[in-house]
PDB file of N, CA and C in Angstrom:
ATOM      1  N   MET A   1      -8.451 -50.176  67.522  1.00  0.00           N
ATOM      2  CA  MET A   1      -7.573 -50.242  66.374  1.00  0.00           C
ATOM      3  C   MET A   1      -8.385 -50.031  65.103  1.00  0.00           C
ATOM      4  N   ALA A   2      -7.969 -49.069  64.298  1.00  0.00           N
ATOM      5  CA  ALA A   2      -8.662 -48.760  63.046  1.00  0.00           C
ATOM      6  C   ALA A   2      -7.957 -49.461  61.882  1.00  0.00           C
ATOM      7  N   SER A   3      -8.667 -49.548  60.769  1.00  0.00           N
ATOM      8  CA  SER A   3      -8.128 -50.222  59.587  1.00  0.00           C
ATOM      9  C   SER A   3      -8.374 -49.378  58.341  1.00  0.00           C
ATOM     10  N   GLU A   4      -7.779 -49.793  57.233  1.00  0.00           N
ATOM     11  CA  GLU A   4      -8.023 -49.122  55.960  1.00  0.00           C
ATOM     12  C   GLU A   4      -9.505 -49.195  55.600  1.00  0.00           C
ATOM     13  N   ALA A   5     -10.152 -50.301  55.907  1.00  0.00           N
ATOM     14  CA  ALA A   5     -11.586 -50.429  55.640  1.00  0.00           C
ATOM     15  C   ALA A   5     -12.387 -49.395  56.436  1.00  0.00           C
ATOM     16  N   ASP A   6     -11.971 -49.134  57.671  1.00  0.00           N
ATOM     17  CA  ASP A   6     -12.631 -48.096  58.478  1.00  0.00           C
ATOM     18  C   ASP A   6     -12.445 -46.725  57.838  1.00  0.00           C
ATOM     19  N   VAL A   7     -11.226 -46.443  57.377  1.00  0.00           N
ATOM     20  CA  VAL A   7     -10.944 -45.170  56.709  1.00  0.00           C
ATOM     21  C   VAL A   7     -11.871 -45.007  55.513  1.00  0.00           C
ATOM     22  N   ARG A   8     -11.927 -46.031  54.678  1.00  0.00           N
ATOM     23  CA  ARG A   8     -12.761 -45.989  53.464  1.00  0.00           C
ATOM     24  C   ARG A   8     -14.225 -45.730  53.826  1.00  0.00           C
ATOM     25  N   SER A   9     -14.725 -46.448  54.793  1.00  0.00           N
ATOM     26  CA  SER A   9     -16.125 -46.315  55.191  1.00  0.00           C
ATOM     27  C   SER A   9     -16.438 -44.906  55.697  1.00  0.00           C
ATOM     28  N   ILE A  10     -15.588 -44.372  56.554  1.00  0.00           N
ATOM     29  CA  ILE A  10     -15.812 -43.038  57.108  1.00  0.00           C
ATOM     30  C   ILE A  10     -15.710 -41.982  56.011  1.00  0.00           C
ATOM     31  N   CYS A  11     -14.668 -42.078  55.194  1.00  0.00           N
ATOM     32  CA  CYS A  11     -14.473 -41.079  54.133  1.00  0.00           C
ATOM     33  C   CYS A  11     -15.642 -41.057  53.157  1.00  0.00           C
ATOM     34  N   LEU A  12     -16.041 -42.222  52.686  1.00  0.00           N
ATOM     35  CA  LEU A  12     -17.083 -42.266  51.660  1.00  0.00           C
ATOM     36  C   LEU A  12     -18.468 -41.931  52.195  1.00  0.00           C
ATOM     37  N   ALA A  13     -18.608 -41.891  53.525  1.00  0.00           N
ATOM     38  CA  ALA A  13     -19.870 -41.461  54.127  1.00  0.00           C
ATOM     39  C   ALA A  13     -19.984 -39.931  54.179  1.00  0.00           C
ATOM     40  N   LEU A  14     -18.869 -39.237  53.971  1.00  0.00           N
ATOM     41  CA  LEU A  14     -18.880 -37.774  53.975  1.00  0.00           C
ATOM     42  C   LEU A  14     -19.357 -37.260  52.619  1.00  0.00           C
ATOM     43  N   PRO A  15     -20.118 -36.173  52.586  1.00  0.00           N
ATOM     44  CA  PRO A  15     -20.714 -35.698  51.332  1.00  0.00           C
ATOM     45  C   PRO A  15     -19.673 -35.295  50.288  1.00  0.00           C
ATOM     46  N   GLY A  16     -19.818 -35.884  49.103  1.00  0.00           N
ATOM     47  CA  GLY A  16     -18.991 -35.511  47.970  1.00  0.00           C
ATOM     48  C   GLY A  16     -17.603 -36.112  47.921  1.00  0.00           C
ATOM     49  N   VAL A  17     -17.244 -36.933  48.889  1.00  0.00           N
ATOM     50  CA  VAL A  17     -15.898 -37.513  48.905  1.00  0.00           C
ATOM     51  C   VAL A  17     -15.800 -38.613  47.854  1.00  0.00           C
ATOM     52  N   THR A  18     -14.678 -38.603  47.143  1.00  0.00           N
ATOM     53  CA  THR A  18     -14.399 -39.637  46.144  1.00  0.00           C
ATOM     54  C   THR A  18     -13.112 -40.349  46.516  1.00  0.00           C
ATOM     55  N   GLU A  19     -12.984 -41.556  46.023  1.00  0.00           N
ATOM     56  CA  GLU A  19     -11.769 -42.340  46.233  1.00  0.00           C
ATOM     57  C   GLU A  19     -11.079 -42.538  44.901  1.00  0.00           C
ATOM     58  N   ARG A  20      -9.767 -42.373  44.900  1.00  0.00           N
ATOM     59  CA  ARG A  20      -8.962 -42.703  43.733  1.00  0.00           C
ATOM     60  C   ARG A  20      -7.539 -42.998  44.192  1.00  0.00           C
ATOM     61  N   VAL A  21      -6.732 -43.461  43.289  1.00  0.00           N
ATOM     62  CA  VAL A  21      -5.350 -43.809  43.608  1.00  0.00           C
ATOM     63  C   VAL A  21      -4.478 -42.560  43.521  1.00  0.00           C
ATOM     64  N   SER A  22      -3.609 -42.393  44.506  1.00  0.00           N
ATOM     65  CA  SER A  22      -2.634 -41.306  44.531  1.00  0.00           C
ATOM     66  C   SER A  22      -1.328 -41.884  45.065  1.00  0.00           C
ATOM     67  N   TRP A  23      -0.270 -41.720  44.308  1.00  0.00           N
ATOM     68  CA  TRP A  23       1.027 -42.294  44.668  1.00  0.00           C
ATOM     69  C   TRP A  23       0.899 -43.814  44.869  1.00  0.00           C
ATOM     70  N   ASN A  24       0.083 -44.438  44.033  1.00  0.00           N
ATOM     71  CA  ASN A  24      -0.142 -45.892  44.071  1.00  0.00           C
ATOM     72  C   ASN A  24      -0.786 -46.383  45.361  1.00  0.00           C
ATOM     73  N   GLN A  25      -1.489 -45.499  46.051  1.00  0.00           N
ATOM     74  CA  GLN A  25      -2.177 -45.861  47.289  1.00  0.00           C
ATOM     75  C   GLN A  25      -3.607 -45.331  47.243  1.00  0.00           C
ATOM     76  N   PRO A  26      -4.529 -45.963  47.967  1.00  0.00           N
ATOM     77  CA  PRO A  26      -5.893 -45.424  48.051  1.00  0.00           C
ATOM     78  C   PRO A  26      -5.869 -44.037  48.688  1.00  0.00           C
ATOM     79  N   ALA A  27      -6.644 -43.130  48.117  1.00  0.00           N
ATOM     80  CA  ALA A  27      -6.718 -41.760  48.636  1.00  0.00           C
ATOM     81  C   ALA A  27      -8.148 -41.264  48.503  1.00  0.00           C
ATOM     82  N   TRP A  28      -8.512 -40.333  49.385  1.00  0.00           N
ATOM     83  CA  TRP A  28      -9.869 -39.789  49.414  1.00  0.00           C
ATOM     84  C   TRP A  28      -9.791 -38.286  49.295  1.00  0.00           C
ATOM     85  N   PHE A  29     -10.694 -37.741  48.486  1.00  0.00           N
ATOM     86  CA  PHE A  29     -10.670 -36.329  48.152  1.00  0.00           C
ATOM     87  C   PHE A  29     -12.019 -35.687  48.442  1.00  0.00           C
ATOM     88  N   ALA A  30     -11.984 -34.497  49.052  1.00  0.00           N
ATOM     89  CA  ALA A  30     -13.139 -33.609  49.087  1.00  0.00           C
ATOM     90  C   ALA A  30     -12.899 -32.701  47.883  1.00  0.00           C
ATOM     91  N   LYS A  31     -12.623 -31.417  48.072  1.00  0.00           N
ATOM     92  CA  LYS A  31     -12.173 -30.581  46.939  1.00  0.00           C
ATOM     93  C   LYS A  31     -10.716 -30.877  46.638  1.00  0.00           C
ATOM     94  N   THR A  32      -9.923 -31.126  47.710  1.00  0.00           N
ATOM     95  CA  THR A  32      -8.524 -31.518  47.580  1.00  0.00           C
ATOM     96  C   THR A  32      -8.316 -32.793  48.396  1.00  0.00           C
ATOM     97  N   LEU A  33      -7.103 -33.275  48.404  1.00  0.00           N
ATOM     98  CA  LEU A  33      -6.781 -34.484  49.160  1.00  0.00           C
ATOM     99  C   LEU A  33      -7.138 -34.319  50.622  1.00  0.00           C
ATOM    100  N   MET A  34      -7.855 -35.296  51.171  1.00  0.00           N
ATOM    101  CA  MET A  34      -8.154 -35.270  52.605  1.00  0.00           C
ATOM    102  C   MET A  34      -7.476 -36.402  53.352  1.00  0.00           C
ATOM    103  N   ALA A  35      -7.198 -37.516  52.672  1.00  0.00           N
ATOM    104  CA  ALA A  35      -6.561 -38.655  53.328  1.00  0.00           C
ATOM    105  C   ALA A  35      -5.945 -39.569  52.276  1.00  0.00           C
ATOM    106  N   ARG A  36      -4.831 -40.200  52.658  1.00  0.00           N
ATOM    107  CA  ARG A  36      -4.173 -41.151  51.762  1.00  0.00           C
ATOM    108  C   ARG A  36      -3.475 -42.195  52.622  1.00  0.00           C
ATOM    109  N   ILE A  37      -3.576 -43.432  52.192  1.00  0.00           N
ATOM    110  CA  ILE A  37      -2.768 -44.457  52.835  1.00  0.00           C
ATOM    111  C   ILE A  37      -1.321 -44.163  52.453  1.00  0.00           C
ATOM    112  N   TRP A  38      -0.451 -44.019  53.438  1.00  0.00           N
ATOM    113  CA  TRP A  38       0.950 -43.707  53.193  1.00  0.00           C
ATOM    114  C   TRP A  38       1.750 -44.998  53.020  1.00  0.00           C
ATOM    115  N   GLU A  39       1.488 -45.929  53.904  1.00  0.00           N
ATOM    116  CA  GLU A  39       2.080 -47.267  53.875  1.00  0.00           C
ATOM    117  C   GLU A  39       1.174 -48.131  54.738  1.00  0.00           C
ATOM    118  N   PRO A  40       1.359 -49.439  54.754  1.00  0.00           N
ATOM    119  CA  PRO A  40       0.472 -50.255  55.581  1.00  0.00           C
ATOM    120  C   PRO A  40       0.404 -49.731  57.023  1.00  0.00           C
ATOM    121  N   ASP A  41      -0.804 -49.583  57.535  1.00  0.00           N
ATOM    122  CA  ASP A  41      -1.096 -49.116  58.889  1.00  0.00           C
ATOM    123  C   ASP A  41      -0.830 -47.634  59.111  1.00  0.00           C
ATOM    124  N   VAL A  42      -0.495 -46.877  58.070  1.00  0.00           N
ATOM    125  CA  VAL A  42      -0.212 -45.448  58.248  1.00  0.00           C
ATOM    126  C   VAL A  42      -1.056 -44.636  57.267  1.00  0.00           C
ATOM    127  N   LEU A  43      -1.771 -43.663  57.802  1.00  0.00           N
ATOM    128  CA  LEU A  43      -2.663 -42.803  57.036  1.00  0.00           C
ATOM    129  C   LEU A  43      -2.170 -41.364  57.112  1.00  0.00           C
ATOM    130  N   THR A  44      -2.230 -40.655  55.999  1.00  0.00           N
ATOM    131  CA  THR A  44      -1.953 -39.215  55.966  1.00  0.00           C
ATOM    132  C   THR A  44      -3.284 -38.479  56.040  1.00  0.00           C
ATOM    133  N   VAL A  45      -3.382 -37.493  56.931  1.00  0.00           N
ATOM    134  CA  VAL A  45      -4.567 -36.637  57.009  1.00  0.00           C
ATOM    135  C   VAL A  45      -4.123 -35.186  57.171  1.00  0.00           C
ATOM    136  N   LYS A  46      -5.056 -34.271  56.951  1.00  0.00           N
ATOM    137  CA  LYS A  46      -4.812 -32.855  57.195  1.00  0.00           C
ATOM    138  C   LYS A  46      -5.313 -32.508  58.591  1.00  0.00           C
ATOM    139  N   THR A  47      -4.563 -31.644  59.264  1.00  0.00           N
ATOM    140  CA  THR A  47      -4.972 -31.177  60.575  1.00  0.00           C
ATOM    141  C   THR A  47      -4.337 -29.823  60.850  1.00  0.00           C
ATOM    142  N   ALA A  48      -5.000 -29.027  61.641  1.00  0.00           N
ATOM    143  CA  ALA A  48      -4.431 -27.764  62.099  1.00  0.00           C
ATOM    144  C   ALA A  48      -3.650 -27.982  63.391  1.00  0.00           C
ATOM    145  N   GLU A  49      -3.630 -29.222  63.888  1.00  0.00           N
ATOM    146  CA  GLU A  49      -3.030 -29.523  65.190  1.00  0.00           C
ATOM    147  C   GLU A  49      -1.869 -30.503  65.100  1.00  0.00           C
ATOM    148  N   ARG A  50      -1.133 -30.492  64.002  1.00  0.00           N
ATOM    149  CA  ARG A  50      -0.051 -31.463  63.807  1.00  0.00           C
ATOM    150  C   ARG A  50       0.958 -31.448  64.956  1.00  0.00           C
ATOM    151  N   GLU A  51       1.442 -30.268  65.298  1.00  0.00           N
ATOM    152  CA  GLU A  51       2.460 -30.161  66.357  1.00  0.00           C
ATOM    153  C   GLU A  51       1.930 -30.694  67.687  1.00  0.00           C
ATOM    154  N   ALA A  52       0.707 -30.330  68.028  1.00  0.00           N
ATOM    155  CA  ALA A  52       0.128 -30.767  69.302  1.00  0.00           C
ATOM    156  C   ALA A  52      -0.068 -32.282  69.325  1.00  0.00           C
ATOM    157  N   LEU A  53      -0.584 -32.828  68.243  1.00  0.00           N
ATOM    158  CA  LEU A  53      -0.800 -34.279  68.195  1.00  0.00           C
ATOM    159  C   LEU A  53       0.513 -35.037  68.321  1.00  0.00           C
ATOM    160  N   ALA A  54       1.494 -34.665  67.513  1.00  0.00           N
ATOM    161  CA  ALA A  54       2.785 -35.353  67.546  1.00  0.00           C
ATOM    162  C   ALA A  54       3.508 -35.118  68.867  1.00  0.00           C
ATOM    163  N   GLY A  55       3.302 -33.962  69.468  1.00  0.00           N
ATOM    164  CA  GLY A  55       3.948 -33.663  70.737  1.00  0.00           C
ATOM    165  C   GLY A  55       3.401 -34.467  71.896  1.00  0.00           C
ATOM    166  N   THR A  56       2.105 -34.786  71.851  1.00  0.00           N
ATOM    167  CA  THR A  56       1.493 -35.529  72.958  1.00  0.00           C
ATOM    168  C   THR A  56       1.468 -37.032  72.720  1.00  0.00           C
ATOM    169  N   GLU A  57       1.419 -37.465  71.448  1.00  0.00           N
ATOM    170  CA  GLU A  57       1.370 -38.898  71.140  1.00  0.00           C
ATOM    171  C   GLU A  57       2.280 -39.223  69.944  1.00  0.00           C
ATOM    172  N   PRO A  58       3.599 -39.090  70.121  1.00  0.00           N
ATOM    173  CA  PRO A  58       4.508 -39.291  68.988  1.00  0.00           C
ATOM    174  C   PRO A  58       4.531 -40.720  68.447  1.00  0.00           C
ATOM    175  N   GLU A  59       4.072 -41.679  69.221  1.00  0.00           N
ATOM    176  CA  GLU A  59       3.995 -43.057  68.723  1.00  0.00           C
ATOM    177  C   GLU A  59       2.834 -43.222  67.746  1.00  0.00           C
ATOM    178  N   THR A  60       1.883 -42.319  67.829  1.00  0.00           N
ATOM    179  CA  THR A  60       0.678 -42.376  66.989  1.00  0.00           C
ATOM    180  C   THR A  60       0.747 -41.386  65.836  1.00  0.00           C
ATOM    181  N   TYR A  61       1.160 -40.164  66.119  1.00  0.00           N
ATOM    182  CA  TYR A  61       1.157 -39.077  65.139  1.00  0.00           C
ATOM    183  C   TYR A  61       2.590 -38.625  64.872  1.00  0.00           C
ATOM    184  N   PHE A  62       2.935 -38.513  63.611  1.00  0.00           N
ATOM    185  CA  PHE A  62       4.304 -38.132  63.248  1.00  0.00           C
ATOM    186  C   PHE A  62       4.314 -37.647  61.808  1.00  0.00           C
ATOM    187  N   TRP A  63       5.450 -37.223  61.327  1.00  0.00           N
ATOM    188  CA  TRP A  63       5.614 -36.893  59.913  1.00  0.00           C
ATOM    189  C   TRP A  63       7.051 -37.185  59.514  1.00  0.00           C
ATOM    190  N   THR A  64       7.269 -37.219  58.231  1.00  0.00           N
ATOM    191  CA  THR A  64       8.593 -37.496  57.678  1.00  0.00           C
ATOM    192  C   THR A  64       9.139 -36.216  57.053  1.00  0.00           C
ATOM    193  N   PRO A  65      10.399 -36.199  56.676  1.00  0.00           N
ATOM    194  CA  PRO A  65      10.936 -35.024  55.979  1.00  0.00           C
ATOM    195  C   PRO A  65      10.123 -34.663  54.726  1.00  0.00           C
ATOM    196  N   HIS A  66       9.520 -35.657  54.081  1.00  0.00           N
ATOM    197  CA  HIS A  66       8.674 -35.407  52.911  1.00  0.00           C
ATOM    198  C   HIS A  66       7.513 -34.464  53.245  1.00  0.00           C
ATOM    199  N   HIS A  67       7.022 -34.519  54.468  1.00  0.00           N
ATOM    200  CA  HIS A  67       5.860 -33.739  54.893  1.00  0.00           C
ATOM    201  C   HIS A  67       6.220 -32.376  55.483  1.00  0.00           C
ATOM    202  N   GLU A  68       7.492 -32.069  55.626  1.00  0.00           N
ATOM    203  CA  GLU A  68       7.919 -30.801  56.222  1.00  0.00           C
ATOM    204  C   GLU A  68       7.322 -29.597  55.511  1.00  0.00           C
ATOM    205  N   ARG A  69       7.240 -29.643  54.197  1.00  0.00           N
ATOM    206  CA  ARG A  69       6.756 -28.483  53.437  1.00  0.00           C
ATOM    207  C   ARG A  69       5.235 -28.333  53.475  1.00  0.00           C
ATOM    208  N   SER A  70       4.552 -29.287  54.071  1.00  0.00           N
ATOM    209  CA  SER A  70       3.086 -29.263  54.169  1.00  0.00           C
ATOM    210  C   SER A  70       2.684 -29.334  55.636  1.00  0.00           C
ATOM    211  N   PRO A  71       2.655 -28.197  56.335  1.00  0.00           N
ATOM    212  CA  PRO A  71       2.445 -28.213  57.786  1.00  0.00           C
ATOM    213  C   PRO A  71       1.079 -28.711  58.248  1.00  0.00           C
ATOM    214  N   GLN A  72       0.136 -28.915  57.329  1.00  0.00           N
ATOM    215  CA  GLN A  72      -1.164 -29.458  57.741  1.00  0.00           C
ATOM    216  C   GLN A  72      -1.199 -30.985  57.676  1.00  0.00           C
ATOM    217  N   LEU A  73      -0.180 -31.613  57.113  1.00  0.00           N
ATOM    218  CA  LEU A  73      -0.212 -33.070  56.967  1.00  0.00           C
ATOM    219  C   LEU A  73       0.439 -33.753  58.164  1.00  0.00           C
ATOM    220  N   VAL A  74      -0.239 -34.784  58.650  1.00  0.00           N
ATOM    221  CA  VAL A  74       0.312 -35.617  59.717  1.00  0.00           C
ATOM    222  C   VAL A  74       0.049 -37.074  59.351  1.00  0.00           C
ATOM    223  N   LEU A  75       0.957 -37.933  59.763  1.00  0.00           N
ATOM    224  CA  LEU A  75       0.785 -39.370  59.576  1.00  0.00           C
ATOM    225  C   LEU A  75       0.217 -39.958  60.856  1.00  0.00           C
ATOM    226  N   VAL A  76      -0.677 -40.919  60.694  1.00  0.00           N
ATOM    227  CA  VAL A  76      -1.371 -41.534  61.824  1.00  0.00           C
ATOM    228  C   VAL A  76      -1.202 -43.045  61.744  1.00  0.00           C
ATOM    229  N   ARG A  77      -0.730 -43.658  62.817  1.00  0.00           N
ATOM    230  CA  ARG A  77      -0.665 -45.124  62.878  1.00  0.00           C
ATOM    231  C   ARG A  77      -2.066 -45.637  63.197  1.00  0.00           C
ATOM    232  N   LEU A  78      -2.680 -46.277  62.226  1.00  0.00           N
ATOM    233  CA  LEU A  78      -4.062 -46.740  62.383  1.00  0.00           C
ATOM    234  C   LEU A  78      -4.209 -47.712  63.549  1.00  0.00           C
ATOM    235  N   SER A  79      -3.207 -48.516  63.809  1.00  0.00           N
ATOM    236  CA  SER A  79      -3.296 -49.500  64.890  1.00  0.00           C
ATOM    237  C   SER A  79      -3.339 -48.845  66.270  1.00  0.00           C
ATOM    238  N   ARG A  80      -3.096 -47.544  66.342  1.00  0.00           N
ATOM    239  CA  ARG A  80      -3.056 -46.852  67.625  1.00  0.00           C
ATOM    240  C   ARG A  80      -4.241 -45.915  67.848  1.00  0.00           C
ATOM    241  N   VAL A  81      -5.197 -45.875  66.900  1.00  0.00           N
ATOM    242  CA  VAL A  81      -6.385 -45.029  67.082  1.00  0.00           C
ATOM    243  C   VAL A  81      -7.633 -45.902  67.014  1.00  0.00           C
ATOM    244  N   ASP A  82      -8.674 -45.450  67.710  1.00  0.00           N
ATOM    245  CA  ASP A  82      -9.938 -46.177  67.639  1.00  0.00           C
ATOM    246  C   ASP A  82     -10.839 -45.512  66.604  1.00  0.00           C
ATOM    247  N   GLY A  83     -11.983 -46.098  66.369  1.00  0.00           N
ATOM    248  CA  GLY A  83     -12.903 -45.600  65.354  1.00  0.00           C
ATOM    249  C   GLY A  83     -13.363 -44.179  65.606  1.00  0.00           C
ATOM    250  N   GLY A  84     -13.593 -43.817  66.856  1.00  0.00           N
ATOM    251  CA  GLY A  84     -14.024 -42.460  67.186  1.00  0.00           C
ATOM    252  C   GLY A  84     -12.950 -41.426  66.888  1.00  0.00           C
ATOM    253  N   GLN A  85     -11.718 -41.734  67.272  1.00  0.00           N
ATOM    254  CA  GLN A  85     -10.603 -40.821  66.977  1.00  0.00           C
ATOM    255  C   GLN A  85     -10.424 -40.689  65.471  1.00  0.00           C
ATOM    256  N   LEU A  86     -10.499 -41.806  64.767  1.00  0.00           N
ATOM    257  CA  LEU A  86     -10.337 -41.787  63.318  1.00  0.00           C
ATOM    258  C   LEU A  86     -11.416 -40.938  62.664  1.00  0.00           C
ATOM    259  N   ALA A  87     -12.656 -41.100  63.078  1.00  0.00           N
ATOM    260  CA  ALA A  87     -13.755 -40.321  62.498  1.00  0.00           C
ATOM    261  C   ALA A  87     -13.540 -38.829  62.724  1.00  0.00           C
ATOM    262  N   GLU A  88     -13.090 -38.453  63.910  1.00  0.00           N
ATOM    263  CA  GLU A  88     -12.839 -37.046  64.209  1.00  0.00           C
ATOM    264  C   GLU A  88     -11.698 -36.495  63.340  1.00  0.00           C
ATOM    265  N   LEU A  89     -10.613 -37.249  63.218  1.00  0.00           N
ATOM    266  CA  LEU A  89      -9.495 -36.829  62.366  1.00  0.00           C
ATOM    267  C   LEU A  89      -9.941 -36.648  60.919  1.00  0.00           C
ATOM    268  N   LEU A  90     -10.726 -37.597  60.425  1.00  0.00           N
ATOM    269  CA  LEU A  90     -11.152 -37.541  59.029  1.00  0.00           C
ATOM    270  C   LEU A  90     -12.149 -36.416  58.778  1.00  0.00           C
ATOM    271  N   GLU A  91     -13.017 -36.144  59.723  1.00  0.00           N
ATOM    272  CA  GLU A  91     -13.951 -35.026  59.544  1.00  0.00           C
ATOM    273  C   GLU A  91     -13.197 -33.702  59.523  1.00  0.00           C
ATOM    274  N   ASP A  92     -12.224 -33.547  60.407  1.00  0.00           N
ATOM    275  CA  ASP A  92     -11.415 -32.327  60.402  1.00  0.00           C
ATOM    276  C   ASP A  92     -10.658 -32.194  59.083  1.00  0.00           C
ATOM    277  N   SER A  93     -10.085 -33.296  58.622  1.00  0.00           N
ATOM    278  CA  SER A  93      -9.342 -33.284  57.365  1.00  0.00           C
ATOM    279  C   SER A  93     -10.256 -32.959  56.191  1.00  0.00           C
ATOM    280  N   PHE A  94     -11.452 -33.508  56.208  1.00  0.00           N
ATOM    281  CA  PHE A  94     -12.464 -33.230  55.183  1.00  0.00           C
ATOM    282  C   PHE A  94     -12.737 -31.734  55.087  1.00  0.00           C
ATOM    283  N   LEU A  95     -12.924 -31.084  56.219  1.00  0.00           N
ATOM    284  CA  LEU A  95     -13.205 -29.646  56.241  1.00  0.00           C
ATOM    285  C   LEU A  95     -11.995 -28.853  55.738  1.00  0.00           C
ATOM    286  N   LEU A  96     -10.800 -29.232  56.146  1.00  0.00           N
ATOM    287  CA  LEU A  96      -9.592 -28.549  55.666  1.00  0.00           C
ATOM    288  C   LEU A  96      -9.364 -28.762  54.178  1.00  0.00           C
ATOM    289  N   ALA A  97      -9.863 -29.867  53.661  1.00  0.00           N
ATOM    290  CA  ALA A  97      -9.720 -30.175  52.225  1.00  0.00           C
ATOM    291  C   ALA A  97     -10.836 -29.541  51.397  1.00  0.00           C
ATOM    292  N   GLY A  98     -11.647 -28.711  52.017  1.00  0.00           N
ATOM    293  CA  GLY A  98     -12.679 -27.986  51.274  1.00  0.00           C
ATOM    294  C   GLY A  98     -14.043 -28.619  51.269  1.00  0.00           C
ATOM    295  N   GLY A  99     -14.210 -29.691  52.025  1.00  0.00           N
ATOM    296  CA  GLY A  99     -15.519 -30.324  52.109  1.00  0.00           C
ATOM    297  C   GLY A  99     -16.477 -29.505  52.955  1.00  0.00           C
ATOM    298  N   ARG A 100     -17.763 -29.726  52.717  1.00  0.00           N
ATOM    299  CA  ARG A 100     -18.790 -29.023  53.483  1.00  0.00           C
ATOM    300  C   ARG A 100     -19.783 -30.037  54.023  1.00  0.00           C
ATOM    301  N   LEU A 101     -20.008 -29.981  55.318  1.00  0.00           N
ATOM    302  CA  LEU A 101     -20.987 -30.860  55.928  1.00  0.00           C
ATOM    303  C   LEU A 101     -22.384 -30.350  55.605  1.00  0.00           C
ATOM    304  N   GLN A 102     -23.280 -31.270  55.363  1.00  0.00           N
ATOM    305  CA  GLN A 102     -24.667 -30.886  55.068  1.00  0.00           C
ATOM    306  C   GLN A 102     -25.381 -30.600  56.359  1.00  0.00           C
ATOM    307  N   THR A 103     -26.228 -29.585  56.328  1.00  0.00           N
ATOM    308  CA  THR A 103     -26.981 -29.242  57.547  1.00  0.00           C
ATOM    309  C   THR A 103     -28.441 -29.512  57.359  1.00  0.00           C
TER     310      THR A 103
END
């Protein structure tokens, strides 16, 4: 089970990521938004695999009508993912948001 503190720790460990408030919730930015707390226990991230994730684990991954116009955004129930899954989701979102990993 992941938490908002886990999200913060993983995001801020990525190069150049900043935290600020967006829609009155904590959010993390690379060049653009990479993650935002949507509501308690629910995180918004970017992914190229939204349909696949929601199709295989709809209790964990989903979206609302608000997210229909943004096909890269998916909501994640933090209580249903572990730290490894969360780190992978956030790294993918970081790259989609324009972040660059240091080599």
